[in-house]
mmCIF file of all heavy atoms, coordinates in Angstrom:
data_MODEL
# 
_entry.id   MODEL 
# 
loop_
_atom_site.group_PDB 
_atom_site.id 
_atom_site.type_symbol 
_atom_site.label_atom_id 
_atom_site.label_alt_id 
_atom_site.label_comp_id 
_atom_site.label_asym_id 
_atom_site.label_entity_id 
_atom_site.label_seq_id 
_atom_site.pdbx_PDB_ins_code 
_atom_site.Cartn_x 
_atom_site.Cartn_y 
_atom_site.Cartn_z 
_atom_site.occupancy 
_atom_site.B_iso_or_equiv 
_atom_site.pdbx_formal_charge 
_atom_site.auth_seq_id 
_atom_site.auth_comp_id 
_atom_site.auth_asym_id 
_atom_site.auth_atom_id 
_atom_site.pdbx_PDB_model_num 
ATOM 1   N N   . VAL A 1 1  ? -1.915 -18.950 16.699 1.00 0.00 ? 1  VAL A N   1 
ATOM 2   C CA  . VAL A 1 1  ? -1.337 -20.166 16.129 1.00 0.00 ? 1  VAL A CA  1 
ATOM 3   C C   . VAL A 1 1  ? -1.594 -20.142 14.633 1.00 0.00 ? 1  VAL A C   1 
ATOM 4   O O   . VAL A 1 1  ? -2.662 -19.828 14.117 1.00 0.00 ? 1  VAL A O   1 
ATOM 5   C CB  . VAL A 1 1  ? -2.046 -21.389 16.716 1.00 0.00 ? 1  VAL A CB  1 
ATOM 6   C CG1 . VAL A 1 1  ? -1.470 -22.655 16.103 1.00 0.00 ? 1  VAL A CG1 1 
ATOM 7   C CG2 . VAL A 1 1  ? -1.830 -21.427 18.248 1.00 0.00 ? 1  VAL A CG2 1 
ATOM 8   N N   . GLU A 1 2  ? -0.465 -20.375 13.873 1.00 0.00 ? 2  GLU A N   1 
ATOM 9   C CA  . GLU A 1 2  ? -0.521 -20.510 12.416 1.00 0.00 ? 2  GLU A CA  1 
ATOM 10  C C   . GLU A 1 2  ? -1.093 -19.254 11.720 1.00 0.00 ? 2  GLU A C   1 
ATOM 11  O O   . GLU A 1 2  ? -2.021 -19.356 10.922 1.00 0.00 ? 2  GLU A O   1 
ATOM 12  C CB  . GLU A 1 2  ? -1.281 -21.768 12.054 1.00 0.00 ? 2  GLU A CB  1 
ATOM 13  C CG  . GLU A 1 2  ? -0.618 -23.008 12.499 1.00 0.00 ? 2  GLU A CG  1 
ATOM 14  C CD  . GLU A 1 2  ? -1.386 -24.296 12.120 1.00 0.00 ? 2  GLU A CD  1 
ATOM 15  O OE1 . GLU A 1 2  ? -2.447 -24.194 11.507 1.00 0.00 ? 2  GLU A OE1 1 
ATOM 16  O OE2 . GLU A 1 2  ? -0.929 -25.343 12.464 1.00 0.00 ? 2  GLU A OE2 1 
ATOM 17  N N   . ALA A 1 3  ? -0.583 -18.082 12.051 1.00 0.00 ? 3  ALA A N   1 
ATOM 18  C CA  . ALA A 1 3  ? -1.020 -16.838 11.423 1.00 0.00 ? 3  ALA A CA  1 
ATOM 19  C C   . ALA A 1 3  ? -0.229 -16.539 10.168 1.00 0.00 ? 3  ALA A C   1 
ATOM 20  O O   . ALA A 1 3  ? 0.940  -16.908 10.032 1.00 0.00 ? 3  ALA A O   1 
ATOM 21  C CB  . ALA A 1 3  ? -0.892 -15.721 12.426 1.00 0.00 ? 3  ALA A CB  1 
ATOM 22  N N   . LEU A 1 4  ? -0.802 -15.794 9.311  1.00 0.00 ? 4  LEU A N   1 
ATOM 23  C CA  . LEU A 1 4  ? -0.230 -15.383 7.994  1.00 0.00 ? 4  LEU A CA  1 
ATOM 24  C C   . LEU A 1 4  ? -0.369 -13.899 7.838  1.00 0.00 ? 4  LEU A C   1 
ATOM 25  O O   . LEU A 1 4  ? -1.427 -13.346 7.997  1.00 0.00 ? 4  LEU A O   1 
ATOM 26  C CB  . LEU A 1 4  ? -0.931 -16.106 6.834  1.00 0.00 ? 4  LEU A CB  1 
ATOM 27  C CG  . LEU A 1 4  ? -0.632 -15.616 5.424  1.00 0.00 ? 4  LEU A CG  1 
ATOM 28  C CD1 . LEU A 1 4  ? 0.786  -15.909 5.027  1.00 0.00 ? 4  LEU A CD1 1 
ATOM 29  C CD2 . LEU A 1 4  ? -1.608 -16.249 4.411  1.00 0.00 ? 4  LEU A CD2 1 
ATOM 30  N N   . ALA A 1 5  ? 0.736  -13.247 7.440  1.00 0.00 ? 5  ALA A N   1 
ATOM 31  C CA  . ALA A 1 5  ? 0.733  -11.799 7.001  1.00 0.00 ? 5  ALA A CA  1 
ATOM 32  C C   . ALA A 1 5  ? 1.388  -11.824 5.650  1.00 0.00 ? 5  ALA A C   1 
ATOM 33  O O   . ALA A 1 5  ? 2.580  -12.124 5.520  1.00 0.00 ? 5  ALA A O   1 
ATOM 34  C CB  . ALA A 1 5  ? 1.506  -10.926 7.970  1.00 0.00 ? 5  ALA A CB  1 
ATOM 35  N N   . GLU A 1 6  ? 0.600  -11.471 4.610  1.00 0.00 ? 6  GLU A N   1 
ATOM 36  C CA  . GLU A 1 6  ? 1.120  -11.528 3.228  1.00 0.00 ? 6  GLU A CA  1 
ATOM 37  C C   . GLU A 1 6  ? 0.570  -10.419 2.380  1.00 0.00 ? 6  GLU A C   1 
ATOM 38  O O   . GLU A 1 6  ? -0.636 -10.085 2.432  1.00 0.00 ? 6  GLU A O   1 
ATOM 39  C CB  . GLU A 1 6  ? 0.764  -12.860 2.603  1.00 0.00 ? 6  GLU A CB  1 
ATOM 40  C CG  . GLU A 1 6  ? 1.234  -13.070 1.207  1.00 0.00 ? 6  GLU A CG  1 
ATOM 41  C CD  . GLU A 1 6  ? 0.932  -14.473 0.705  1.00 0.00 ? 6  GLU A CD  1 
ATOM 42  O OE1 . GLU A 1 6  ? -0.124 -14.977 1.018  1.00 0.00 ? 6  GLU A OE1 1 
ATOM 43  O OE2 . GLU A 1 6  ? 1.776  -14.993 -0.015 1.00 0.00 ? 6  GLU A OE2 1 
ATOM 44  N N   . GLY A 1 7  ? 1.444  -9.811  1.590  1.00 0.00 ? 7  GLY A N   1 
ATOM 45  C CA  . GLY A 1 7  ? 1.030  -8.774  0.622  1.00 0.00 ? 7  GLY A CA  1 
ATOM 46  C C   . GLY A 1 7  ? 0.553  -7.451  1.203  1.00 0.00 ? 7  GLY A C   1 
ATOM 47  O O   . GLY A 1 7  ? -0.190 -6.742  0.516  1.00 0.00 ? 7  GLY A O   1 
ATOM 48  N N   . ASN A 1 8  ? 0.948  -7.171  2.419  1.00 0.00 ? 8  ASN A N   1 
ATOM 49  C CA  . ASN A 1 8  ? 0.513  -5.917  3.059  1.00 0.00 ? 8  ASN A CA  1 
ATOM 50  C C   . ASN A 1 8  ? 1.533  -4.785  2.810  1.00 0.00 ? 8  ASN A C   1 
ATOM 51  O O   . ASN A 1 8  ? 2.728  -5.069  2.593  1.00 0.00 ? 8  ASN A O   1 
ATOM 52  C CB  . ASN A 1 8  ? 0.416  -6.087  4.581  1.00 0.00 ? 8  ASN A CB  1 
ATOM 53  C CG  . ASN A 1 8  ? -0.635 -7.177  4.898  1.00 0.00 ? 8  ASN A CG  1 
ATOM 54  O OD1 . ASN A 1 8  ? -1.825 -6.924  4.734  1.00 0.00 ? 8  ASN A OD1 1 
ATOM 55  N ND2 . ASN A 1 8  ? -0.203 -8.354  5.295  1.00 0.00 ? 8  ASN A ND2 1 
ATOM 56  N N   . LYS A 1 9  ? 1.055  -3.565  2.799  1.00 0.00 ? 9  LYS A N   1 
ATOM 57  C CA  . LYS A 1 9  ? 1.935  -2.400  2.704  1.00 0.00 ? 9  LYS A CA  1 
ATOM 58  C C   . LYS A 1 9  ? 1.739  -1.551  3.950  1.00 0.00 ? 9  LYS A C   1 
ATOM 59  O O   . LYS A 1 9  ? 0.554  -1.171  4.276  1.00 0.00 ? 9  LYS A O   1 
ATOM 60  C CB  . LYS A 1 9  ? 1.535  -1.589  1.424  1.00 0.00 ? 9  LYS A CB  1 
ATOM 61  C CG  . LYS A 1 9  ? 1.802  -2.328  0.170  1.00 0.00 ? 9  LYS A CG  1 
ATOM 62  C CD  . LYS A 1 9  ? 1.392  -1.530  -0.996 1.00 0.00 ? 9  LYS A CD  1 
ATOM 63  C CE  . LYS A 1 9  ? 1.599  -2.359  -2.278 1.00 0.00 ? 9  LYS A CE  1 
ATOM 64  N NZ  . LYS A 1 9  ? 1.062  -1.652  -3.462 1.00 0.00 ? 9  LYS A NZ  1 
ATOM 65  N N   . ILE A 1 10 ? 2.847  -1.302  4.655  1.00 0.00 ? 10 ILE A N   1 
ATOM 66  C CA  . ILE A 1 10 ? 2.735  -0.586  5.953  1.00 0.00 ? 10 ILE A CA  1 
ATOM 67  C C   . ILE A 1 10 ? 3.682  0.612   5.879  1.00 0.00 ? 10 ILE A C   1 
ATOM 68  O O   . ILE A 1 10 ? 4.857  0.474   5.628  1.00 0.00 ? 10 ILE A O   1 
ATOM 69  C CB  . ILE A 1 10 ? 3.119  -1.537  7.076  1.00 0.00 ? 10 ILE A CB  1 
ATOM 70  C CG1 . ILE A 1 10 ? 2.138  -2.723  7.084  1.00 0.00 ? 10 ILE A CG1 1 
ATOM 71  C CG2 . ILE A 1 10 ? 3.093  -0.827  8.418  1.00 0.00 ? 10 ILE A CG2 1 
ATOM 72  C CD1 . ILE A 1 10 ? 2.653  -3.903  7.832  1.00 0.00 ? 10 ILE A CD1 1 
ATOM 73  N N   . TYR A 1 11 ? 3.113  1.768   6.172  1.00 0.00 ? 11 TYR A N   1 
ATOM 74  C CA  . TYR A 1 11 ? 3.859  3.036   6.057  1.00 0.00 ? 11 TYR A CA  1 
ATOM 75  C C   . TYR A 1 11 ? 3.839  3.759   7.397  1.00 0.00 ? 11 TYR A C   1 
ATOM 76  O O   . TYR A 1 11 ? 2.762  3.935   7.976  1.00 0.00 ? 11 TYR A O   1 
ATOM 77  C CB  . TYR A 1 11 ? 3.274  3.955   5.025  1.00 0.00 ? 11 TYR A CB  1 
ATOM 78  C CG  . TYR A 1 11 ? 3.222  3.390   3.611  1.00 0.00 ? 11 TYR A CG  1 
ATOM 79  C CD1 . TYR A 1 11 ? 2.113  2.674   3.144  1.00 0.00 ? 11 TYR A CD1 1 
ATOM 80  C CD2 . TYR A 1 11 ? 4.314  3.506   2.739  1.00 0.00 ? 11 TYR A CD2 1 
ATOM 81  C CE1 . TYR A 1 11 ? 2.037  2.171   1.897  1.00 0.00 ? 11 TYR A CE1 1 
ATOM 82  C CE2 . TYR A 1 11 ? 4.278  2.984   1.488  1.00 0.00 ? 11 TYR A CE2 1 
ATOM 83  C CZ  . TYR A 1 11 ? 3.157  2.324   1.046  1.00 0.00 ? 11 TYR A CZ  1 
ATOM 84  O OH  . TYR A 1 11 ? 3.114  1.807   -0.230 1.00 0.00 ? 11 TYR A OH  1 
ATOM 85  N N   . ARG A 1 12 ? 4.973  4.153   7.879  1.00 0.00 ? 12 ARG A N   1 
ATOM 86  C CA  . ARG A 1 12 ? 5.174  5.098   9.006  1.00 0.00 ? 12 ARG A CA  1 
ATOM 87  C C   . ARG A 1 12 ? 4.411  4.710   10.305 1.00 0.00 ? 12 ARG A C   1 
ATOM 88  O O   . ARG A 1 12 ? 3.698  5.550   10.862 1.00 0.00 ? 12 ARG A O   1 
ATOM 89  C CB  . ARG A 1 12 ? 4.789  6.490   8.603  1.00 0.00 ? 12 ARG A CB  1 
ATOM 90  C CG  . ARG A 1 12 ? 5.647  7.069   7.462  1.00 0.00 ? 12 ARG A CG  1 
ATOM 91  C CD  . ARG A 1 12 ? 5.226  8.424   7.095  1.00 0.00 ? 12 ARG A CD  1 
ATOM 92  N NE  . ARG A 1 12 ? 3.887  8.600   6.650  1.00 0.00 ? 12 ARG A NE  1 
ATOM 93  C CZ  . ARG A 1 12 ? 3.428  8.329   5.439  1.00 0.00 ? 12 ARG A CZ  1 
ATOM 94  N NH1 . ARG A 1 12 ? 4.244  7.867   4.507  1.00 0.00 ? 12 ARG A NH1 1 
ATOM 95  N NH2 . ARG A 1 12 ? 2.177  8.550   5.119  1.00 0.00 ? 12 ARG A NH2 1 
ATOM 96  N N   . PRO A 1 13 ? 4.665  3.526   10.877 1.00 0.00 ? 13 PRO A N   1 
ATOM 97  C CA  . PRO A 1 13 ? 4.169  3.286   12.242 1.00 0.00 ? 13 PRO A CA  1 
ATOM 98  C C   . PRO A 1 13 ? 4.911  4.204   13.207 1.00 0.00 ? 13 PRO A C   1 
ATOM 99  O O   . PRO A 1 13 ? 6.098  4.418   13.082 1.00 0.00 ? 13 PRO A O   1 
ATOM 100 C CB  . PRO A 1 13 ? 4.497  1.795   12.511 1.00 0.00 ? 13 PRO A CB  1 
ATOM 101 C CG  . PRO A 1 13 ? 5.539  1.449   11.558 1.00 0.00 ? 13 PRO A CG  1 
ATOM 102 C CD  . PRO A 1 13 ? 5.403  2.341   10.370 1.00 0.00 ? 13 PRO A CD  1 
ATOM 103 N N   . ALA A 1 14 ? 4.135  4.883   14.064 1.00 0.00 ? 14 ALA A N   1 
ATOM 104 C CA  . ALA A 1 14 ? 4.722  6.010   14.870 1.00 0.00 ? 14 ALA A CA  1 
ATOM 105 C C   . ALA A 1 14 ? 5.809  5.579   15.842 1.00 0.00 ? 14 ALA A C   1 
ATOM 106 O O   . ALA A 1 14 ? 6.717  6.321   16.080 1.00 0.00 ? 14 ALA A O   1 
ATOM 107 C CB  . ALA A 1 14 ? 3.590  6.735   15.533 1.00 0.00 ? 14 ALA A CB  1 
ATOM 108 N N   . GLN A 1 15 ? 5.672  4.387   16.465 1.00 0.00 ? 15 GLN A N   1 
ATOM 109 C CA  . GLN A 1 15 ? 6.554  4.103   17.573 1.00 0.00 ? 15 GLN A CA  1 
ATOM 110 C C   . GLN A 1 15 ? 7.370  2.805   17.426 1.00 0.00 ? 15 GLN A C   1 
ATOM 111 O O   . GLN A 1 15 ? 8.530  2.832   17.810 1.00 0.00 ? 15 GLN A O   1 
ATOM 112 C CB  . GLN A 1 15 ? 5.744  3.975   18.907 1.00 0.00 ? 15 GLN A CB  1 
ATOM 113 C CG  . GLN A 1 15 ? 5.118  5.294   19.320 1.00 0.00 ? 15 GLN A CG  1 
ATOM 114 C CD  . GLN A 1 15 ? 4.325  5.156   20.581 1.00 0.00 ? 15 GLN A CD  1 
ATOM 115 O OE1 . GLN A 1 15 ? 4.690  4.293   21.458 1.00 0.00 ? 15 GLN A OE1 1 
ATOM 116 N NE2 . GLN A 1 15 ? 3.306  5.908   20.771 1.00 0.00 ? 15 GLN A NE2 1 
ATOM 117 N N   . GLN A 1 16 ? 6.832  1.775   16.921 1.00 0.00 ? 16 GLN A N   1 
ATOM 118 C CA  . GLN A 1 16 ? 7.609  0.499   16.961 1.00 0.00 ? 16 GLN A CA  1 
ATOM 119 C C   . GLN A 1 16 ? 7.599  -0.181  15.612 1.00 0.00 ? 16 GLN A C   1 
ATOM 120 O O   . GLN A 1 16 ? 8.082  0.374   14.629 1.00 0.00 ? 16 GLN A O   1 
ATOM 121 C CB  . GLN A 1 16 ? 7.065  -0.409  18.063 1.00 0.00 ? 16 GLN A CB  1 
ATOM 122 C CG  . GLN A 1 16 ? 7.349  0.122   19.456 1.00 0.00 ? 16 GLN A CG  1 
ATOM 123 C CD  . GLN A 1 16 ? 6.975  -0.875  20.539 1.00 0.00 ? 16 GLN A CD  1 
ATOM 124 O OE1 . GLN A 1 16 ? 6.994  -2.036  20.322 1.00 0.00 ? 16 GLN A OE1 1 
ATOM 125 N NE2 . GLN A 1 16 ? 6.716  -0.347  21.737 1.00 0.00 ? 16 GLN A NE2 1 
ATOM 126 N N   . HIS A 1 17 ? 7.076  -1.407  15.511 1.00 0.00 ? 17 HIS A N   1 
ATOM 127 C CA  . HIS A 1 17 ? 7.280  -2.266  14.403 1.00 0.00 ? 17 HIS A CA  1 
ATOM 128 C C   . HIS A 1 17 ? 6.223  -2.121  13.353 1.00 0.00 ? 17 HIS A C   1 
ATOM 129 O O   . HIS A 1 17 ? 5.071  -1.845  13.599 1.00 0.00 ? 17 HIS A O   1 
ATOM 130 C CB  . HIS A 1 17 ? 7.217  -3.713  14.894 1.00 0.00 ? 17 HIS A CB  1 
ATOM 131 C CG  . HIS A 1 17 ? 8.139  -4.029  16.059 1.00 0.00 ? 17 HIS A CG  1 
ATOM 132 N ND1 . HIS A 1 17 ? 9.492  -4.132  15.923 1.00 0.00 ? 17 HIS A ND1 1 
ATOM 133 C CD2 . HIS A 1 17 ? 7.837  -4.173  17.342 1.00 0.00 ? 17 HIS A CD2 1 
ATOM 134 C CE1 . HIS A 1 17 ? 10.038 -4.331  17.094 1.00 0.00 ? 17 HIS A CE1 1 
ATOM 135 N NE2 . HIS A 1 17 ? 9.052  -4.369  18.011 1.00 0.00 ? 17 HIS A NE2 1 
ATOM 136 N N   . GLY A 1 18 ? 6.589  -2.395  12.108 1.00 0.00 ? 18 GLY A N   1 
ATOM 137 C CA  . GLY A 1 18 ? 5.636  -2.519  11.033 1.00 0.00 ? 18 GLY A CA  1 
ATOM 138 C C   . GLY A 1 18 ? 4.809  -3.762  11.214 1.00 0.00 ? 18 GLY A C   1 
ATOM 139 O O   . GLY A 1 18 ? 3.588  -3.717  11.139 1.00 0.00 ? 18 GLY A O   1 
ATOM 140 N N   . ILE A 1 19 ? 5.471  -4.891  11.493 1.00 0.00 ? 19 ILE A N   1 
ATOM 141 C CA  . ILE A 1 19 ? 4.823  -6.161  11.690 1.00 0.00 ? 19 ILE A CA  1 
ATOM 142 C C   . ILE A 1 19 ? 5.413  -6.805  12.934 1.00 0.00 ? 19 ILE A C   1 
ATOM 143 O O   . ILE A 1 19 ? 6.634  -6.956  12.978 1.00 0.00 ? 19 ILE A O   1 
ATOM 144 C CB  . ILE A 1 19 ? 4.934  -7.158  10.535 1.00 0.00 ? 19 ILE A CB  1 
ATOM 145 C CG1 . ILE A 1 19 ? 4.295  -6.497  9.251  1.00 0.00 ? 19 ILE A CG1 1 
ATOM 146 C CG2 . ILE A 1 19 ? 4.306  -8.482  10.831 1.00 0.00 ? 19 ILE A CG2 1 
ATOM 147 C CD1 . ILE A 1 19 ? 4.513  -7.349  7.994  1.00 0.00 ? 19 ILE A CD1 1 
ATOM 148 N N   . TYR A 1 20 ? 4.595  -7.144  13.930 1.00 0.00 ? 20 TYR A N   1 
ATOM 149 C CA  . TYR A 1 20 ? 5.107  -7.819  15.136 1.00 0.00 ? 20 TYR A CA  1 
ATOM 150 C C   . TYR A 1 20 ? 4.200  -9.060  15.435 1.00 0.00 ? 20 TYR A C   1 
ATOM 151 O O   . TYR A 1 20 ? 3.015  -8.891  15.624 1.00 0.00 ? 20 TYR A O   1 
ATOM 152 C CB  . TYR A 1 20 ? 5.076  -6.882  16.308 1.00 0.00 ? 20 TYR A CB  1 
ATOM 153 C CG  . TYR A 1 20 ? 5.588  -7.506  17.599 1.00 0.00 ? 20 TYR A CG  1 
ATOM 154 C CD1 . TYR A 1 20 ? 6.974  -7.605  17.820 1.00 0.00 ? 20 TYR A CD1 1 
ATOM 155 C CD2 . TYR A 1 20 ? 4.696  -8.036  18.504 1.00 0.00 ? 20 TYR A CD2 1 
ATOM 156 C CE1 . TYR A 1 20 ? 7.403  -8.224  18.982 1.00 0.00 ? 20 TYR A CE1 1 
ATOM 157 C CE2 . TYR A 1 20 ? 5.210  -8.639  19.643 1.00 0.00 ? 20 TYR A CE2 1 
ATOM 158 C CZ  . TYR A 1 20 ? 6.529  -8.730  19.894 1.00 0.00 ? 20 TYR A CZ  1 
ATOM 159 O OH  . TYR A 1 20 ? 7.016  -9.328  21.042 1.00 0.00 ? 20 TYR A OH  1 
ATOM 160 N N   . PHE A 1 21 ? 4.831  -10.222 15.386 1.00 0.00 ? 21 PHE A N   1 
ATOM 161 C CA  . PHE A 1 21 ? 4.204  -11.478 15.796 1.00 0.00 ? 21 PHE A CA  1 
ATOM 162 C C   . PHE A 1 21 ? 4.949  -12.005 17.010 1.00 0.00 ? 21 PHE A C   1 
ATOM 163 O O   . PHE A 1 21 ? 6.144  -12.165 16.971 1.00 0.00 ? 21 PHE A O   1 
ATOM 164 C CB  . PHE A 1 21 ? 4.277  -12.488 14.617 1.00 0.00 ? 21 PHE A CB  1 
ATOM 165 C CG  . PHE A 1 21 ? 3.269  -12.319 13.565 1.00 0.00 ? 21 PHE A CG  1 
ATOM 166 C CD1 . PHE A 1 21 ? 2.803  -11.102 13.170 1.00 0.00 ? 21 PHE A CD1 1 
ATOM 167 C CD2 . PHE A 1 21 ? 2.795  -13.447 12.918 1.00 0.00 ? 21 PHE A CD2 1 
ATOM 168 C CE1 . PHE A 1 21 ? 1.855  -10.969 12.160 1.00 0.00 ? 21 PHE A CE1 1 
ATOM 169 C CE2 . PHE A 1 21 ? 1.845  -13.339 11.895 1.00 0.00 ? 21 PHE A CE2 1 
ATOM 170 C CZ  . PHE A 1 21 ? 1.405  -12.102 11.497 1.00 0.00 ? 21 PHE A CZ  1 
ATOM 171 N N   . GLY A 1 22 ? 4.223  -12.250 18.083 1.00 0.00 ? 22 GLY A N   1 
ATOM 172 C CA  . GLY A 1 22 ? 4.885  -12.815 19.237 1.00 0.00 ? 22 GLY A CA  1 
ATOM 173 C C   . GLY A 1 22 ? 3.923  -13.528 20.129 1.00 0.00 ? 22 GLY A C   1 
ATOM 174 O O   . GLY A 1 22 ? 2.693  -13.488 20.005 1.00 0.00 ? 22 GLY A O   1 
ATOM 175 N N   . GLU A 1 23 ? 4.496  -14.239 21.121 1.00 0.00 ? 23 GLU A N   1 
ATOM 176 C CA  . GLU A 1 23 ? 3.711  -14.986 22.115 1.00 0.00 ? 23 GLU A CA  1 
ATOM 177 C C   . GLU A 1 23 ? 2.721  -15.967 21.535 1.00 0.00 ? 23 GLU A C   1 
ATOM 178 O O   . GLU A 1 23 ? 1.650  -16.140 22.006 1.00 0.00 ? 23 GLU A O   1 
ATOM 179 C CB  . GLU A 1 23 ? 2.961  -13.975 23.039 1.00 0.00 ? 23 GLU A CB  1 
ATOM 180 C CG  . GLU A 1 23 ? 3.791  -12.946 23.694 1.00 0.00 ? 23 GLU A CG  1 
ATOM 181 C CD  . GLU A 1 23 ? 4.806  -13.599 24.682 1.00 0.00 ? 23 GLU A CD  1 
ATOM 182 O OE1 . GLU A 1 23 ? 4.523  -14.624 25.275 1.00 0.00 ? 23 GLU A OE1 1 
ATOM 183 O OE2 . GLU A 1 23 ? 5.862  -12.961 24.869 1.00 0.00 ? 23 GLU A OE2 1 
ATOM 184 N N   . GLY A 1 24 ? 3.144  -16.671 20.481 1.00 0.00 ? 24 GLY A N   1 
ATOM 185 C CA  . GLY A 1 24 ? 2.316  -17.673 19.886 1.00 0.00 ? 24 GLY A CA  1 
ATOM 186 C C   . GLY A 1 24 ? 3.171  -18.881 19.583 1.00 0.00 ? 24 GLY A C   1 
ATOM 187 O O   . GLY A 1 24 ? 4.110  -19.140 20.330 1.00 0.00 ? 24 GLY A O   1 
# 
């Protein structure tokens, strides 16, 4: 509940998403 993702750098996730928020 009420999560924040800010200012991150994500490179080459092998299978799926760089950022995934769900089920909240």
